[in-house]
């Protein structure tokens, strides 16, 4: 466990020594998860835009609400770029703690923003559907797609939470993971 001690350097930054393969795992995992988050965010945004433009009438209030639903997937894309930044927190076999703290703060910010905007979208959809369903002339235009719009924020929350939790576990790695890696020499 001697290598897991935080050591100040002459530049005033803190470095955390990592076992030989942990730095490589952090770099590869952050890139793989970043790519997954980026692709998921793009797909969710595309489906959301498809729902918004697939509405029968541009005068339909749900069209605007569905279009606002693009905000959470865009935040997932932002979280993906935060995961890409996690790669720069490792220099050789050392974790640069100030960078890791900043990346964790960015990931937390995008996660909270995604949760809040997804909640806002669900509430707006619920209010919009209740208002539209009372209007007899518009209620005939309600379709299964309007109901499916509720699932998109839920999927966005799940994808964003996975990225956040994995990014959080990478920076810095949990002490148990470091202890096991130091003990096995990997």
Protein backbone atom coordinates (compact mmCIF):
# COMPACT_ATOMS: atom_id res chain seq x y z
CA UNK A 1 0.00 0.00 0.00
CA UNK A 2 3.03 2.28 0.01
CA UNK A 3 2.27 3.44 -3.53
CA UNK A 4 -1.29 4.49 -2.78
CA UNK A 5 -0.27 7.46 -0.66
CA UNK A 6 -0.97 10.92 -2.07
CA UNK A 7 2.34 12.62 -2.75
CA UNK A 8 2.76 16.37 -3.31
CA UNK A 9 5.13 17.38 -6.08
CA UNK A 10 7.21 20.50 -6.50
CA UNK A 11 4.52 22.03 -8.76
CA UNK A 12 2.02 21.98 -5.90
CA UNK A 13 -0.20 19.37 -7.58
CA UNK A 14 -1.03 16.09 -5.95
CA UNK A 15 -0.25 12.79 -7.62
CA UNK A 16 -1.65 9.42 -6.62
CA UNK A 17 0.57 6.51 -7.56
CA UNK A 18 -1.39 3.79 -9.33
CA UNK A 19 -0.58 0.10 -9.78
CA UNK A 20 0.90 -0.68 -13.23
CA UNK A 21 -2.31 -1.60 -15.10
CA UNK A 22 -4.79 0.68 -13.33
CA UNK A 23 -3.75 3.78 -15.28
CA UNK A 24 -4.24 1.91 -18.54
CA UNK A 25 -7.65 0.66 -17.34
CA UNK A 26 -8.73 4.19 -16.44
CA UNK A 27 -7.70 5.50 -19.86
CA UNK A 28 -9.38 2.71 -21.81
CA UNK A 29 -12.53 2.61 -19.65
CA UNK A 30 -13.07 6.35 -19.85
CA UNK A 31 -12.78 6.28 -23.65
CA UNK A 32 -15.05 3.23 -24.01
CA UNK A 33 -17.70 4.71 -21.71
CA UNK A 34 -17.36 8.12 -23.38
CA UNK A 35 -18.03 6.57 -26.78
CA UNK A 36 -21.02 4.64 -25.38
CA UNK A 37 -22.44 7.77 -23.76
CA UNK A 38 -21.90 9.81 -26.92
CA UNK A 39 -23.66 7.26 -29.12
CA UNK A 40 -26.51 6.80 -26.63
CA UNK A 41 -26.98 10.58 -26.33
CA UNK A 42 -27.09 10.97 -30.11
CA UNK A 43 -29.61 8.11 -30.52
CA UNK A 44 -31.86 9.40 -27.72
CA UNK A 45 -31.72 12.95 -29.15
CA UNK A 46 -32.56 11.64 -32.63
CA UNK A 47 -35.56 9.69 -31.32
CA UNK A 48 -36.72 12.73 -29.36
CA UNK A 49 -36.47 14.98 -32.41
CA UNK A 50 -38.27 12.30 -34.45
CA UNK A 51 -41.11 12.32 -31.94
CA UNK A 52 -41.27 16.11 -32.00
CA UNK A 53 -41.33 16.37 -35.78
CA UNK A 54 -43.51 13.27 -36.13
CA UNK A 55 -46.43 15.07 -34.52
CA UNK A 56 -49.41 15.53 -36.81
CA UNK A 57 -49.69 19.27 -36.34
CA UNK A 58 -47.12 21.93 -35.52
CA UNK A 59 -49.87 23.70 -33.57
CA UNK A 60 -50.01 20.74 -31.20
CA UNK A 61 -48.51 21.80 -27.83
CA UNK A 62 -46.87 18.38 -27.40
CA UNK A 63 -44.65 19.13 -30.38
CA UNK A 64 -42.92 21.91 -28.44
CA UNK A 65 -42.70 19.83 -25.25
CA UNK A 66 -41.15 16.90 -27.14
CA UNK A 67 -38.65 19.25 -28.76
CA UNK A 68 -37.68 20.58 -25.31
CA UNK A 69 -37.08 16.93 -24.44
CA UNK A 70 -33.87 17.11 -26.51
CA UNK A 71 -32.13 18.98 -23.67
CA UNK A 72 -31.49 15.91 -21.42
CA UNK A 73 -29.89 13.84 -24.23
CA UNK A 74 -27.67 16.81 -25.11
CA UNK A 75 -26.56 16.86 -21.48
CA UNK A 76 -25.72 13.14 -21.78
CA UNK A 77 -23.48 14.08 -24.72
CA UNK A 78 -21.83 16.66 -22.45
CA UNK A 79 -21.28 13.96 -19.85
CA UNK A 80 -19.62 11.85 -22.55
CA UNK A 81 -17.10 14.60 -23.17
CA UNK A 82 -16.50 14.74 -19.41
CA UNK A 83 -15.69 11.02 -19.52
CA UNK A 84 -13.28 11.67 -22.40
CA UNK A 85 -11.56 14.26 -20.18
CA UNK A 86 -11.04 11.61 -17.50
CA UNK A 87 -8.38 10.12 -19.74
CA UNK A 88 -6.20 13.19 -19.18
CA UNK A 89 -6.22 12.67 -15.41
CA UNK A 90 -3.70 9.85 -15.73
CA UNK A 91 -0.06 10.54 -16.45
CA UNK A 92 1.89 7.33 -16.75
CA UNK A 93 1.08 5.39 -13.60
CA UNK A 94 -0.02 8.42 -11.61
CA UNK A 95 -3.40 10.02 -11.17
CA UNK A 96 -3.37 13.83 -11.19
CA UNK A 97 -5.79 14.54 -8.36
CA UNK A 98 -6.71 18.20 -9.16
CA UNK A 99 -7.74 17.16 -12.68
CA UNK A 100 -9.63 14.17 -11.29
CA UNK A 101 -11.53 16.44 -8.90
CA UNK A 102 -12.45 18.83 -11.72
CA UNK A 103 -13.64 15.98 -13.96
CA UNK A 104 -15.72 14.54 -11.10
CA UNK A 105 -17.28 17.98 -10.57
CA UNK A 106 -18.10 18.22 -14.30
CA UNK A 107 -19.64 14.75 -14.30
CA UNK A 108 -21.70 15.60 -11.19
CA UNK A 109 -22.89 18.87 -12.78
CA UNK A 110 -24.03 17.16 -15.98
CA UNK A 111 -25.70 14.37 -14.00
CA UNK A 112 -27.68 16.79 -11.79
CA UNK A 113 -28.63 18.94 -14.80
CA UNK A 114 -29.83 15.85 -16.68
CA UNK A 115 -31.91 14.68 -13.73
CA UNK A 116 -33.55 18.08 -13.30
CA UNK A 117 -34.29 18.64 -17.00
CA UNK A 118 -35.62 15.09 -17.42
CA UNK A 119 -37.96 15.69 -14.48
CA UNK A 120 -39.03 18.99 -16.05
CA UNK A 121 -39.74 17.25 -19.37
CA UNK A 122 -41.82 14.52 -17.69
CA UNK A 123 -43.86 17.11 -15.77
CA UNK A 124 -44.34 19.22 -18.92
CA UNK A 125 -45.47 16.13 -20.85
CA UNK A 126 -47.91 15.16 -18.10
CA UNK A 127 -49.39 18.65 -17.98
CA UNK A 128 -49.42 18.90 -21.78
CA UNK A 129 -51.15 15.55 -22.20
CA UNK A 130 -53.77 16.39 -19.58
CA UNK A 131 -54.50 19.74 -21.23
CA UNK A 132 -54.55 18.32 -24.76
CA UNK A 133 -56.69 15.32 -23.81
CA UNK A 134 -59.44 17.67 -22.52
CA UNK A 135 -59.62 19.46 -25.89
CA UNK A 136 -61.90 17.31 -28.07
CA UNK A 137 -60.53 18.66 -31.36
CA UNK A 138 -56.92 17.82 -30.47
CA UNK A 139 -57.48 14.64 -28.44
CA UNK A 140 -58.15 12.71 -31.65
CA UNK A 141 -54.54 13.40 -32.63
CA UNK A 142 -53.10 11.75 -29.50
CA UNK A 143 -51.19 8.65 -30.38
CA UNK A 144 -49.02 5.97 -28.87
CA UNK A 145 -46.00 8.16 -29.67
CA UNK A 146 -47.21 10.77 -27.19
CA UNK A 147 -47.27 8.12 -24.47
CA UNK A 148 -43.88 6.78 -25.57
CA UNK A 149 -42.43 10.25 -25.05
CA UNK A 150 -42.51 9.54 -21.30
CA UNK A 151 -40.01 6.71 -21.74
CA UNK A 152 -37.34 8.87 -23.34
CA UNK A 153 -36.51 10.91 -20.21
CA UNK A 154 -36.39 7.66 -18.22
CA UNK A 155 -33.93 6.09 -20.66
CA UNK A 156 -31.90 9.31 -20.61
CA UNK A 157 -31.72 9.22 -16.81
CA UNK A 158 -30.58 5.58 -16.83
CA UNK A 159 -27.88 6.18 -19.46
CA UNK A 160 -26.66 9.33 -17.74
CA UNK A 161 -26.57 7.63 -14.33
CA UNK A 162 -24.51 4.75 -15.70
CA UNK A 163 -21.97 7.14 -17.19
CA UNK A 164 -21.83 9.21 -14.02
CA UNK A 165 -21.37 6.21 -11.73
CA UNK A 166 -18.68 4.64 -13.89
CA UNK A 167 -16.84 7.95 -14.26
CA UNK A 168 -17.08 8.52 -10.53
CA UNK A 169 -15.64 5.07 -9.81
CA UNK A 170 -12.69 5.71 -12.11
CA UNK A 171 -11.56 8.98 -10.54
CA UNK A 172 -9.91 8.06 -8.24
CA UNK A 173 -10.33 4.30 -8.09
CA UNK A 174 -11.83 3.03 -4.83
CA UNK A 175 -9.24 2.19 -2.14
CA UNK A 176 -10.28 -1.49 -2.18
CA UNK A 177 -9.54 -1.70 -5.92
CA UNK A 178 -6.16 -0.03 -5.43
CA UNK A 179 -5.27 -2.32 -2.51
CA UNK A 180 -6.17 -5.43 -4.52
CA UNK A 181 -4.22 -4.18 -7.56
CA UNK A 182 -1.15 -3.41 -5.43
CA UNK A 183 -1.40 -6.82 -3.74
CA UNK A 184 -1.60 -8.74 -7.01
CA UNK A 185 0.94 -6.52 -8.75
CA UNK A 186 -1.36 -5.71 -11.67
